[in-house]
């Protein structure tokens, strides 16, 4: 397990960064700071959604609807941090 632990931690850290970037980009799109009709922005947005949706969709199904507020990235980040700490403690 000790040989695999750094790889798991790096993968989880990468997922953490992707979720943070996706959340920040959704705010930028929501506040009309970046335009989704731009090809570069649309390509980045679609790519981030393809990578993060398998992580966030199961969480969205469990969480209750809070109107326009999506707390699934926050819950995903908390789970990722918990798993990172667990892997560090047991490696």
N, C-alpha and C. Protein backbone atom coordinates (compact mmCIF):
# COMPACT_ATOMS: atom_id res chain seq x y z
N UNK A 1 0.83 -1.20 0.00
CA UNK A 1 0.00 0.00 0.00
C UNK A 1 0.87 1.25 0.00
N UNK A 2 2.03 1.19 0.62
CA UNK A 2 2.84 2.40 0.72
C UNK A 2 3.37 2.85 -0.63
N UNK A 3 3.52 1.93 -1.60
CA UNK A 3 3.95 2.33 -2.94
C UNK A 3 2.81 2.95 -3.73
N UNK A 4 1.60 2.54 -3.45
CA UNK A 4 0.44 3.04 -4.17
C UNK A 4 -0.10 4.34 -3.58
N UNK A 5 0.18 4.59 -2.33
CA UNK A 5 -0.38 5.76 -1.63
C UNK A 5 -0.02 7.09 -2.30
N UNK A 6 1.23 7.32 -2.69
CA UNK A 6 1.52 8.61 -3.34
C UNK A 6 0.76 8.80 -4.65
N UNK A 7 0.59 7.72 -5.41
CA UNK A 7 -0.17 7.83 -6.66
C UNK A 7 -1.63 8.17 -6.40
N UNK A 8 -2.21 7.55 -5.38
CA UNK A 8 -3.60 7.85 -5.04
C UNK A 8 -3.73 9.29 -4.57
N UNK A 9 -2.79 9.75 -3.78
CA UNK A 9 -2.84 11.13 -3.29
C UNK A 9 -2.69 12.12 -4.44
N UNK A 10 -1.77 11.84 -5.38
CA UNK A 10 -1.61 12.73 -6.53
C UNK A 10 -2.86 12.75 -7.40
N UNK A 11 -3.48 11.58 -7.60
CA UNK A 11 -4.71 11.53 -8.39
C UNK A 11 -5.83 12.31 -7.70
N UNK A 12 -5.97 12.16 -6.40
CA UNK A 12 -7.00 12.89 -5.66
C UNK A 12 -6.73 14.39 -5.68
N UNK A 13 -5.48 14.79 -5.60
CA UNK A 13 -5.12 16.21 -5.67
C UNK A 13 -5.47 16.77 -7.05
N UNK A 14 -5.23 15.99 -8.10
CA UNK A 14 -5.59 16.39 -9.46
C UNK A 14 -7.10 16.57 -9.58
N UNK A 15 -7.87 15.63 -9.04
CA UNK A 15 -9.34 15.74 -9.05
C UNK A 15 -9.79 16.97 -8.28
N UNK A 16 -9.13 17.24 -7.17
CA UNK A 16 -9.44 18.42 -6.35
C UNK A 16 -9.27 19.70 -7.17
N UNK A 17 -8.15 19.81 -7.89
CA UNK A 17 -7.90 20.99 -8.71
C UNK A 17 -8.94 21.12 -9.84
N UNK A 18 -9.30 20.00 -10.46
CA UNK A 18 -10.29 20.05 -11.53
C UNK A 18 -11.65 20.53 -11.02
N UNK A 19 -12.04 20.08 -9.85
CA UNK A 19 -13.32 20.50 -9.29
C UNK A 19 -13.29 21.98 -8.94
N UNK A 20 -12.19 22.46 -8.39
CA UNK A 20 -12.08 23.89 -8.06
C UNK A 20 -12.13 24.74 -9.33
N UNK A 21 -11.41 24.32 -10.37
CA UNK A 21 -11.43 25.06 -11.64
C UNK A 21 -12.82 25.05 -12.24
N UNK A 22 -13.51 23.90 -12.19
CA UNK A 22 -14.87 23.82 -12.73
C UNK A 22 -15.82 24.73 -11.98
N UNK A 23 -15.72 24.76 -10.66
CA UNK A 23 -16.60 25.62 -9.87
C UNK A 23 -16.33 27.10 -10.16
N UNK A 24 -15.06 27.47 -10.24
CA UNK A 24 -14.72 28.86 -10.55
C UNK A 24 -15.20 29.25 -11.94
N UNK A 25 -15.04 28.34 -12.88
CA UNK A 25 -15.49 28.64 -14.25
C UNK A 25 -17.00 28.75 -14.32
N UNK A 26 -17.72 27.95 -13.53
CA UNK A 26 -19.18 28.05 -13.55
C UNK A 26 -19.62 29.40 -13.00
N UNK A 27 -18.89 29.92 -12.01
CA UNK A 27 -19.21 31.27 -11.50
C UNK A 27 -18.93 32.32 -12.57
N UNK A 28 -17.80 32.18 -13.26
CA UNK A 28 -17.46 33.14 -14.31
C UNK A 28 -18.48 33.13 -15.43
N UNK A 29 -18.97 31.95 -15.78
CA UNK A 29 -20.01 31.85 -16.80
C UNK A 29 -21.32 32.38 -16.26
N UNK A 30 -21.65 32.05 -15.02
CA UNK A 30 -22.90 32.50 -14.42
C UNK A 30 -23.00 34.00 -14.28
N UNK A 31 -21.89 34.65 -13.98
CA UNK A 31 -21.88 36.11 -13.84
C UNK A 31 -21.56 36.81 -15.15
N UNK A 32 -21.51 36.04 -16.24
CA UNK A 32 -21.32 36.58 -17.58
C UNK A 32 -19.98 37.29 -17.73
N UNK A 33 -18.96 36.80 -17.07
CA UNK A 33 -17.62 37.35 -17.21
C UNK A 33 -16.92 36.72 -18.40
N UNK A 34 -17.10 35.41 -18.57
CA UNK A 34 -16.62 34.74 -19.78
C UNK A 34 -17.84 34.28 -20.57
N UNK A 35 -17.68 34.23 -21.87
CA UNK A 35 -18.78 33.91 -22.77
C UNK A 35 -18.66 32.47 -23.22
N UNK A 36 -19.70 31.68 -23.00
CA UNK A 36 -19.71 30.27 -23.35
C UNK A 36 -19.75 30.08 -24.87
N UNK A 37 -20.11 31.14 -25.62
CA UNK A 37 -20.13 31.03 -27.08
C UNK A 37 -18.73 31.08 -27.67
N UNK A 38 -17.73 31.48 -26.89
CA UNK A 38 -16.34 31.44 -27.33
C UNK A 38 -15.91 29.98 -27.44
N UNK A 39 -15.28 29.62 -28.55
CA UNK A 39 -14.91 28.22 -28.79
C UNK A 39 -13.94 27.69 -27.75
N UNK A 40 -12.97 28.49 -27.33
CA UNK A 40 -12.00 28.04 -26.34
C UNK A 40 -12.69 27.81 -25.00
N UNK A 41 -13.51 28.75 -24.59
CA UNK A 41 -14.23 28.62 -23.32
C UNK A 41 -15.16 27.42 -23.35
N UNK A 42 -15.87 27.23 -24.47
CA UNK A 42 -16.79 26.10 -24.58
C UNK A 42 -16.03 24.77 -24.53
N UNK A 43 -14.87 24.70 -25.19
CA UNK A 43 -14.08 23.47 -25.18
C UNK A 43 -13.58 23.15 -23.77
N UNK A 44 -13.10 24.15 -23.07
CA UNK A 44 -12.64 23.94 -21.69
C UNK A 44 -13.80 23.52 -20.80
N UNK A 45 -14.95 24.18 -20.95
CA UNK A 45 -16.12 23.88 -20.13
C UNK A 45 -16.63 22.46 -20.37
N UNK A 46 -16.73 22.06 -21.62
CA UNK A 46 -17.21 20.71 -21.94
C UNK A 46 -16.22 19.67 -21.43
N UNK A 47 -14.93 19.93 -21.58
CA UNK A 47 -13.92 18.99 -21.11
C UNK A 47 -13.97 18.84 -19.58
N UNK A 48 -14.09 19.96 -18.88
CA UNK A 48 -14.18 19.89 -17.42
C UNK A 48 -15.44 19.15 -16.98
N UNK A 49 -16.55 19.39 -17.67
CA UNK A 49 -17.78 18.69 -17.31
C UNK A 49 -17.67 17.19 -17.57
N UNK A 50 -17.02 16.80 -18.66
CA UNK A 50 -16.86 15.37 -18.93
C UNK A 50 -16.04 14.68 -17.85
N UNK A 51 -15.08 15.38 -17.29
CA UNK A 51 -14.21 14.78 -16.28
C UNK A 51 -14.85 14.82 -14.89
N UNK A 52 -15.53 15.91 -14.55
CA UNK A 52 -16.03 16.06 -13.18
C UNK A 52 -17.45 15.52 -12.97
N UNK A 53 -18.24 15.39 -14.01
CA UNK A 53 -19.62 14.93 -13.82
C UNK A 53 -19.73 13.53 -13.23
N UNK A 54 -18.85 12.57 -13.59
CA UNK A 54 -18.96 11.27 -12.91
C UNK A 54 -18.72 11.34 -11.41
N UNK A 55 -18.01 12.35 -10.95
CA UNK A 55 -17.78 12.53 -9.53
C UNK A 55 -18.95 13.26 -8.88
N UNK A 56 -19.47 14.29 -9.56
CA UNK A 56 -20.47 15.17 -8.95
C UNK A 56 -21.91 14.65 -9.08
N UNK A 57 -22.24 13.93 -10.13
CA UNK A 57 -23.62 13.48 -10.32
C UNK A 57 -24.14 12.58 -9.19
N UNK A 58 -23.38 11.59 -8.71
CA UNK A 58 -23.89 10.79 -7.59
C UNK A 58 -24.14 11.64 -6.34
N UNK A 59 -23.32 12.64 -6.13
CA UNK A 59 -23.50 13.52 -4.97
C UNK A 59 -24.75 14.37 -5.16
N UNK A 60 -25.00 14.85 -6.37
CA UNK A 60 -26.19 15.65 -6.64
C UNK A 60 -27.47 14.86 -6.43
N UNK A 61 -27.42 13.56 -6.72
CA UNK A 61 -28.62 12.73 -6.51
C UNK A 61 -28.94 12.57 -5.03
N UNK A 62 -27.91 12.60 -4.18
CA UNK A 62 -28.11 12.40 -2.75
C UNK A 62 -28.52 13.70 -2.06
N UNK A 63 -27.87 14.82 -2.45
CA UNK A 63 -28.15 16.10 -1.79
C UNK A 63 -29.54 16.62 -2.14
N UNK A 64 -30.20 17.26 -1.19
CA UNK A 64 -31.49 17.87 -1.51
C UNK A 64 -31.30 19.12 -2.38
N UNK A 65 -32.33 19.47 -3.10
CA UNK A 65 -32.27 20.65 -3.96
C UNK A 65 -32.31 21.91 -3.10
N UNK A 66 -31.38 22.82 -3.37
CA UNK A 66 -31.31 24.08 -2.62
C UNK A 66 -31.55 25.26 -3.55
N UNK A 67 -32.41 25.09 -4.50
CA UNK A 67 -32.67 26.16 -5.46
C UNK A 67 -31.57 26.22 -6.49
N UNK A 68 -30.93 27.36 -6.62
CA UNK A 68 -29.88 27.52 -7.60
C UNK A 68 -28.48 27.25 -7.07
N UNK A 69 -28.37 26.79 -5.82
CA UNK A 69 -27.07 26.57 -5.20
C UNK A 69 -26.68 25.10 -5.34
N UNK A 70 -25.51 24.85 -5.91
CA UNK A 70 -25.02 23.49 -6.07
C UNK A 70 -23.88 23.27 -5.09
N UNK A 71 -24.13 22.45 -4.08
CA UNK A 71 -23.12 22.17 -3.07
C UNK A 71 -22.32 20.91 -3.36
N UNK A 72 -22.58 20.26 -4.48
CA UNK A 72 -21.89 19.01 -4.78
C UNK A 72 -20.38 19.19 -4.92
N UNK A 73 -19.85 20.29 -5.50
CA UNK A 73 -18.38 20.43 -5.51
C UNK A 73 -17.79 20.52 -4.10
N UNK A 74 -18.47 21.20 -3.20
CA UNK A 74 -17.98 21.31 -1.83
C UNK A 74 -17.97 19.95 -1.14
N UNK A 75 -19.03 19.18 -1.32
CA UNK A 75 -19.10 17.85 -0.72
C UNK A 75 -18.02 16.95 -1.33
N UNK A 76 -17.83 17.05 -2.65
CA UNK A 76 -16.80 16.23 -3.31
C UNK A 76 -15.41 16.59 -2.78
N UNK A 77 -15.15 17.87 -2.60
CA UNK A 77 -13.85 18.28 -2.06
C UNK A 77 -13.65 17.77 -0.64
N UNK A 78 -14.69 17.81 0.17
CA UNK A 78 -14.58 17.29 1.54
C UNK A 78 -14.32 15.79 1.54
N UNK A 79 -14.98 15.06 0.65
CA UNK A 79 -14.74 13.61 0.56
C UNK A 79 -13.32 13.34 0.09
N UNK A 80 -12.85 14.10 -0.89
CA UNK A 80 -11.49 13.92 -1.39
C UNK A 80 -10.47 14.20 -0.28
N UNK A 81 -10.68 15.25 0.48
CA UNK A 81 -9.78 15.56 1.58
C UNK A 81 -9.79 14.47 2.65
N UNK A 82 -10.97 13.92 2.94
CA UNK A 82 -11.08 12.84 3.90
C UNK A 82 -10.32 11.60 3.41
N UNK A 83 -10.49 11.26 2.14
CA UNK A 83 -9.80 10.08 1.60
C UNK A 83 -8.29 10.30 1.58
N UNK A 84 -7.85 11.52 1.25
CA UNK A 84 -6.41 11.81 1.29
C UNK A 84 -5.85 11.60 2.69
N UNK A 85 -6.54 12.10 3.69
CA UNK A 85 -6.07 11.93 5.07
C UNK A 85 -6.07 10.46 5.48
N UNK A 86 -7.07 9.71 5.04
CA UNK A 86 -7.14 8.30 5.36
C UNK A 86 -5.99 7.53 4.72
N UNK A 87 -5.70 7.86 3.46
CA UNK A 87 -4.59 7.19 2.76
C UNK A 87 -3.26 7.53 3.42
N UNK A 88 -3.07 8.78 3.80
CA UNK A 88 -1.82 9.17 4.47
C UNK A 88 -1.67 8.46 5.82
N UNK A 89 -2.77 8.31 6.53
CA UNK A 89 -2.70 7.69 7.86
C UNK A 89 -2.46 6.18 7.77
N UNK A 90 -2.90 5.55 6.69
CA UNK A 90 -2.80 4.10 6.58
C UNK A 90 -1.72 3.65 5.60
N UNK A 91 -0.83 4.54 5.21
CA UNK A 91 0.23 4.11 4.31
C UNK A 91 1.54 3.90 5.05
